[in-house]
Structure formats: C-alpha cells, structure tokens
Amino acid sequence: MGVGAFLPCYWIYLEVGKVLEAKGSPNLLYQRWIETYSSAEYESVVRQAIAAADKIAETLADKQREAMKHHFVVTSKMEWMFWDMSYRKESWAI
C-alpha cells in the first residue's frame, strides 16, 4: 500500500517535466531539471513504477487496494499544493 504514497511524486514530476520541456528555461539549473524529468530514461523509470504499482494492486484485497488509492490521492493533493504554492510564490507555512 505504501507504493500508493510515493508514486504520485514520480508521476507528477514526469508530467511537469514534459510540460516544461516545450517552454525550456534560460536558467541552466532549471533547464537541467527540466531535461532530467522530461527525459526518456526518467519516463521509463516512472512507467516501471506505475506497472509495479498496478501489479501490486492486483494482489491486494479490496480494502487494501482502497487504502493504496487513498494514499495515492492524498499524496497527489500534497504534490499539487507544493506546485501551486510555488506558482503563487507563497512561503512555507511551517
């Protein structure tokens, strides 16, 4: 079930990297980040993690699968909050 908690980070970084790839960045540090998370190599790792999560989910009882899904959704929301906070240039609340 823990795989549901870490998968969103991998997956969302891939999706953000792909979106930013088209825009690029004049800042070398950010451009390297974009290139890393939009790369075919990183995408391959993410696809493997997704496949592993799917395979694990198939072995779980309904209640366990629901817990895995819950962890996935909560972590996805936290990732969204992280990216939204950056977009809006908020400071860390804690």
N, C-alpha and C. Protein backbone atom coordinates (compact mmCIF):
# COMPACT_ATOMS: atom_id res chain seq x y z
N MET A 1 0.82 -1.20 0.00
CA MET A 1 0.00 0.00 0.00
C MET A 1 0.86 1.26 0.00
N GLY A 2 2.07 1.17 0.52
CA GLY A 2 2.96 2.32 0.57
C GLY A 2 3.31 2.84 -0.82
N VAL A 3 3.26 1.94 -1.81
CA VAL A 3 3.57 2.37 -3.17
C VAL A 3 2.60 3.46 -3.62
N GLY A 4 1.40 3.44 -3.12
CA GLY A 4 0.43 4.47 -3.45
C GLY A 4 0.84 5.84 -2.93
N ALA A 5 1.63 5.87 -1.87
CA ALA A 5 2.06 7.14 -1.29
C ALA A 5 3.23 7.77 -2.04
N PHE A 6 4.11 6.95 -2.63
CA PHE A 6 5.26 7.56 -3.30
C PHE A 6 5.10 7.70 -4.81
N LEU A 7 4.19 6.96 -5.41
CA LEU A 7 4.02 7.00 -6.86
C LEU A 7 3.67 8.40 -7.41
N PRO A 8 2.81 9.18 -6.75
CA PRO A 8 2.48 10.49 -7.31
C PRO A 8 3.69 11.39 -7.52
N CYS A 9 4.66 11.33 -6.64
CA CYS A 9 5.84 12.19 -6.80
C CYS A 9 6.55 11.85 -8.11
N TYR A 10 6.81 10.59 -8.35
CA TYR A 10 7.46 10.17 -9.60
C TYR A 10 6.64 10.64 -10.80
N TRP A 11 5.38 10.31 -10.76
CA TRP A 11 4.49 10.53 -11.90
C TRP A 11 4.30 12.02 -12.19
N ILE A 12 4.07 12.80 -11.16
CA ILE A 12 3.83 14.23 -11.34
C ILE A 12 5.08 14.94 -11.84
N TYR A 13 6.25 14.55 -11.33
CA TYR A 13 7.48 15.17 -11.83
C TYR A 13 7.65 14.89 -13.32
N LEU A 14 7.29 13.71 -13.76
CA LEU A 14 7.34 13.40 -15.19
C LEU A 14 6.41 14.32 -15.97
N GLU A 15 5.18 14.44 -15.49
CA GLU A 15 4.19 15.27 -16.20
C GLU A 15 4.61 16.74 -16.22
N VAL A 16 5.11 17.25 -15.12
CA VAL A 16 5.56 18.64 -15.06
C VAL A 16 6.77 18.81 -15.98
N GLY A 17 7.69 17.87 -15.94
CA GLY A 17 8.86 17.93 -16.81
C GLY A 17 8.48 17.97 -18.27
N LYS A 18 7.49 17.17 -18.66
CA LYS A 18 7.04 17.14 -20.06
C LYS A 18 6.41 18.48 -20.46
N VAL A 19 5.63 19.08 -19.58
CA VAL A 19 5.01 20.38 -19.89
C VAL A 19 6.09 21.46 -20.02
N LEU A 20 7.05 21.45 -19.10
CA LEU A 20 8.09 22.47 -19.12
C LEU A 20 9.09 22.26 -20.25
N GLU A 21 9.19 21.05 -20.74
CA GLU A 21 10.13 20.75 -21.82
C GLU A 21 9.89 21.65 -23.03
N ALA A 22 8.64 21.88 -23.37
CA ALA A 22 8.29 22.70 -24.53
C ALA A 22 8.67 24.17 -24.31
N LYS A 23 8.67 24.60 -23.06
CA LYS A 23 8.97 26.00 -22.75
C LYS A 23 10.45 26.23 -22.53
N GLY A 24 11.13 25.26 -21.94
CA GLY A 24 12.54 25.42 -21.63
C GLY A 24 12.77 26.50 -20.59
N SER A 25 14.04 26.74 -20.27
CA SER A 25 14.39 27.77 -19.31
C SER A 25 15.75 28.35 -19.67
N PRO A 26 15.88 29.68 -19.58
CA PRO A 26 17.19 30.28 -19.83
C PRO A 26 18.17 30.02 -18.67
N ASN A 27 17.64 29.63 -17.53
CA ASN A 27 18.47 29.32 -16.36
C ASN A 27 18.98 27.89 -16.50
N LEU A 28 20.30 27.72 -16.57
CA LEU A 28 20.89 26.40 -16.79
C LEU A 28 20.47 25.38 -15.74
N LEU A 29 20.40 25.81 -14.49
CA LEU A 29 20.00 24.89 -13.42
C LEU A 29 18.59 24.36 -13.64
N TYR A 30 17.66 25.26 -13.95
CA TYR A 30 16.28 24.83 -14.19
C TYR A 30 16.17 24.01 -15.48
N GLN A 31 16.94 24.38 -16.49
CA GLN A 31 16.92 23.61 -17.74
C GLN A 31 17.40 22.19 -17.51
N ARG A 32 18.41 22.01 -16.69
CA ARG A 32 18.88 20.65 -16.36
C ARG A 32 17.79 19.87 -15.64
N TRP A 33 17.07 20.54 -14.73
CA TRP A 33 15.97 19.88 -14.02
C TRP A 33 14.92 19.43 -15.04
N ILE A 34 14.55 20.32 -15.94
CA ILE A 34 13.55 20.02 -16.98
C ILE A 34 14.02 18.84 -17.82
N GLU A 35 15.25 18.86 -18.24
CA GLU A 35 15.78 17.78 -19.07
C GLU A 35 15.80 16.44 -18.34
N THR A 36 16.09 16.48 -17.05
CA THR A 36 16.09 15.24 -16.26
C THR A 36 14.70 14.64 -16.19
N TYR A 37 13.72 15.45 -15.80
CA TYR A 37 12.39 14.92 -15.55
C TYR A 37 11.52 14.79 -16.79
N SER A 38 12.00 15.25 -17.93
CA SER A 38 11.28 15.03 -19.18
C SER A 38 11.97 13.98 -20.05
N SER A 39 13.06 13.43 -19.55
CA SER A 39 13.87 12.50 -20.36
C SER A 39 13.18 11.14 -20.54
N ALA A 40 13.57 10.48 -21.60
CA ALA A 40 13.06 9.12 -21.86
C ALA A 40 13.49 8.16 -20.76
N GLU A 41 14.68 8.37 -20.23
CA GLU A 41 15.17 7.50 -19.15
C GLU A 41 14.30 7.62 -17.90
N TYR A 42 13.99 8.86 -17.54
CA TYR A 42 13.14 9.06 -16.36
C TYR A 42 11.74 8.51 -16.62
N GLU A 43 11.23 8.75 -17.80
CA GLU A 43 9.89 8.24 -18.13
C GLU A 43 9.86 6.72 -18.02
N SER A 44 10.92 6.07 -18.45
CA SER A 44 10.98 4.61 -18.35
C SER A 44 10.89 4.15 -16.89
N VAL A 45 11.59 4.84 -16.01
CA VAL A 45 11.54 4.51 -14.58
C VAL A 45 10.13 4.70 -14.04
N VAL A 46 9.50 5.81 -14.42
CA VAL A 46 8.14 6.09 -13.95
C VAL A 46 7.17 5.03 -14.47
N ARG A 47 7.27 4.66 -15.72
CA ARG A 47 6.38 3.64 -16.29
C ARG A 47 6.58 2.31 -15.57
N GLN A 48 7.82 1.99 -15.20
CA GLN A 48 8.08 0.77 -14.44
C GLN A 48 7.44 0.84 -13.05
N ALA A 49 7.52 2.01 -12.42
CA ALA A 49 6.90 2.19 -11.09
C ALA A 49 5.39 2.07 -11.18
N ILE A 50 4.80 2.64 -12.23
CA ILE A 50 3.35 2.52 -12.42
C ILE A 50 2.97 1.06 -12.63
N ALA A 51 3.72 0.36 -13.47
CA ALA A 51 3.44 -1.06 -13.73
C ALA A 51 3.57 -1.87 -12.45
N ALA A 52 4.59 -1.58 -11.64
CA ALA A 52 4.76 -2.30 -10.38
C ALA A 52 3.59 -2.02 -9.44
N ALA A 53 3.15 -0.76 -9.39
CA ALA A 53 2.00 -0.42 -8.53
C ALA A 53 0.75 -1.15 -9.00
N ASP A 54 0.54 -1.20 -10.30
CA ASP A 54 -0.62 -1.92 -10.83
C ASP A 54 -0.56 -3.41 -10.49
N LYS A 55 0.63 -3.97 -10.60
CA LYS A 55 0.81 -5.40 -10.30
C LYS A 55 0.55 -5.67 -8.82
N ILE A 56 1.07 -4.80 -7.97
CA ILE A 56 0.83 -4.94 -6.53
C ILE A 56 -0.65 -4.81 -6.22
N ALA A 57 -1.31 -3.82 -6.83
CA ALA A 57 -2.73 -3.59 -6.58
C ALA A 57 -3.57 -4.82 -6.92
N GLU A 58 -3.17 -5.54 -7.96
CA GLU A 58 -3.91 -6.75 -8.36
C GLU A 58 -3.88 -7.83 -7.28
N THR A 59 -2.88 -7.81 -6.42
CA THR A 59 -2.74 -8.85 -5.39
C THR A 59 -3.43 -8.49 -4.09
N LEU A 60 -3.91 -7.27 -3.99
CA LEU A 60 -4.47 -6.79 -2.72
C LEU A 60 -5.95 -7.09 -2.60
N ALA A 61 -6.37 -7.22 -1.37
CA ALA A 61 -7.81 -7.32 -1.08
C ALA A 61 -8.42 -5.93 -1.33
N ASP A 62 -9.71 -5.89 -1.52
CA ASP A 62 -10.40 -4.63 -1.82
C ASP A 62 -10.07 -3.52 -0.82
N LYS A 63 -10.09 -3.86 0.46
CA LYS A 63 -9.83 -2.87 1.50
C LYS A 63 -8.40 -2.33 1.39
N GLN A 64 -7.46 -3.20 1.11
CA GLN A 64 -6.06 -2.78 0.95
C GLN A 64 -5.89 -1.92 -0.30
N ARG A 65 -6.56 -2.30 -1.37
CA ARG A 65 -6.49 -1.53 -2.61
C ARG A 65 -7.08 -0.14 -2.40
N GLU A 66 -8.16 -0.05 -1.65
CA GLU A 66 -8.75 1.25 -1.33
C GLU A 66 -7.79 2.10 -0.50
N ALA A 67 -7.07 1.47 0.43
CA ALA A 67 -6.08 2.20 1.23
C ALA A 67 -4.95 2.71 0.34
N MET A 68 -4.52 1.88 -0.60
CA MET A 68 -3.48 2.28 -1.55
C MET A 68 -3.96 3.48 -2.37
N LYS A 69 -5.18 3.41 -2.83
CA LYS A 69 -5.76 4.51 -3.61
C LYS A 69 -5.86 5.78 -2.76
N HIS A 70 -6.26 5.63 -1.52
CA HIS A 70 -6.36 6.77 -0.61
C HIS A 70 -5.00 7.45 -0.45
N HIS A 71 -3.96 6.65 -0.23
CA HIS A 71 -2.60 7.21 -0.09
C HIS A 71 -2.17 7.92 -1.37
N PHE A 72 -2.51 7.35 -2.51
CA PHE A 72 -2.19 7.95 -3.79
C PHE A 72 -2.87 9.31 -3.93
N VAL A 73 -4.13 9.38 -3.61
CA VAL A 73 -4.90 10.63 -3.74
C VAL A 73 -4.38 11.70 -2.78
N VAL A 74 -4.13 11.32 -1.54
CA VAL A 74 -3.64 12.30 -0.55
C VAL A 74 -2.28 12.84 -0.98
N THR A 75 -1.38 11.95 -1.39
CA THR A 75 -0.06 12.41 -1.82
C THR A 75 -0.16 13.27 -3.07
N SER A 76 -1.05 12.92 -3.98
CA SER A 76 -1.25 13.75 -5.18
C SER A 76 -1.70 15.15 -4.80
N LYS A 77 -2.59 15.24 -3.83
CA LYS A 77 -3.05 16.56 -3.37
C LYS A 77 -1.90 17.35 -2.75
N MET A 78 -1.05 16.67 -1.99
CA MET A 78 0.09 17.35 -1.38
C MET A 78 1.07 17.84 -2.45
N GLU A 79 1.29 17.03 -3.46
CA GLU A 79 2.15 17.44 -4.57
C GLU A 79 1.54 18.65 -5.28
N TRP A 80 0.25 18.61 -5.52
CA TRP A 80 -0.42 19.74 -6.16
C TRP A 80 -0.24 21.00 -5.31
N MET A 81 -0.41 20.88 -4.00
CA MET A 81 -0.25 22.03 -3.11
C MET A 81 1.18 22.58 -3.20
N PHE A 82 2.17 21.69 -3.28
CA PHE A 82 3.56 22.11 -3.40
C PHE A 82 3.77 22.93 -4.68
N TRP A 83 3.30 22.39 -5.80
CA TRP A 83 3.49 23.09 -7.08
C TRP A 83 2.67 24.38 -7.11
N ASP A 84 1.47 24.37 -6.59
CA ASP A 84 0.63 25.57 -6.57
C ASP A 84 1.25 26.65 -5.69
N MET A 85 1.82 26.25 -4.58
CA MET A 85 2.48 27.19 -3.68
C MET A 85 3.64 27.90 -4.39
N SER A 86 4.38 27.13 -5.15
CA SER A 86 5.49 27.71 -5.91
C SER A 86 4.97 28.66 -6.99
N TYR A 87 3.94 28.23 -7.67
CA TYR A 87 3.36 29.05 -8.74
C TYR A 87 2.88 30.40 -8.20
N ARG A 88 2.27 30.34 -7.02
CA ARG A 88 1.74 31.57 -6.41
C ARG A 88 2.78 32.30 -5.56
N LYS A 89 3.99 31.75 -5.51
CA LYS A 89 5.12 32.34 -4.78
C LYS A 89 4.80 32.53 -3.30
N GLU A 90 4.19 31.51 -2.73
CA GLU A 90 3.89 31.53 -1.29
C GLU A 90 5.12 31.08 -0.51
N SER A 91 5.18 31.49 0.74
CA SER A 91 6.23 30.98 1.61
C SER A 91 5.70 29.72 2.31
N TRP A 92 6.60 28.91 2.82
CA TRP A 92 6.21 27.68 3.51
C TRP A 92 5.50 28.04 4.80
N ALA A 93 4.36 27.42 5.04
CA ALA A 93 3.52 27.78 6.19
C ALA A 93 4.10 27.35 7.54
N ILE A 94 4.99 26.37 7.51
CA ILE A 94 5.54 25.89 8.79
C ILE A 94 7.04 26.12 8.87
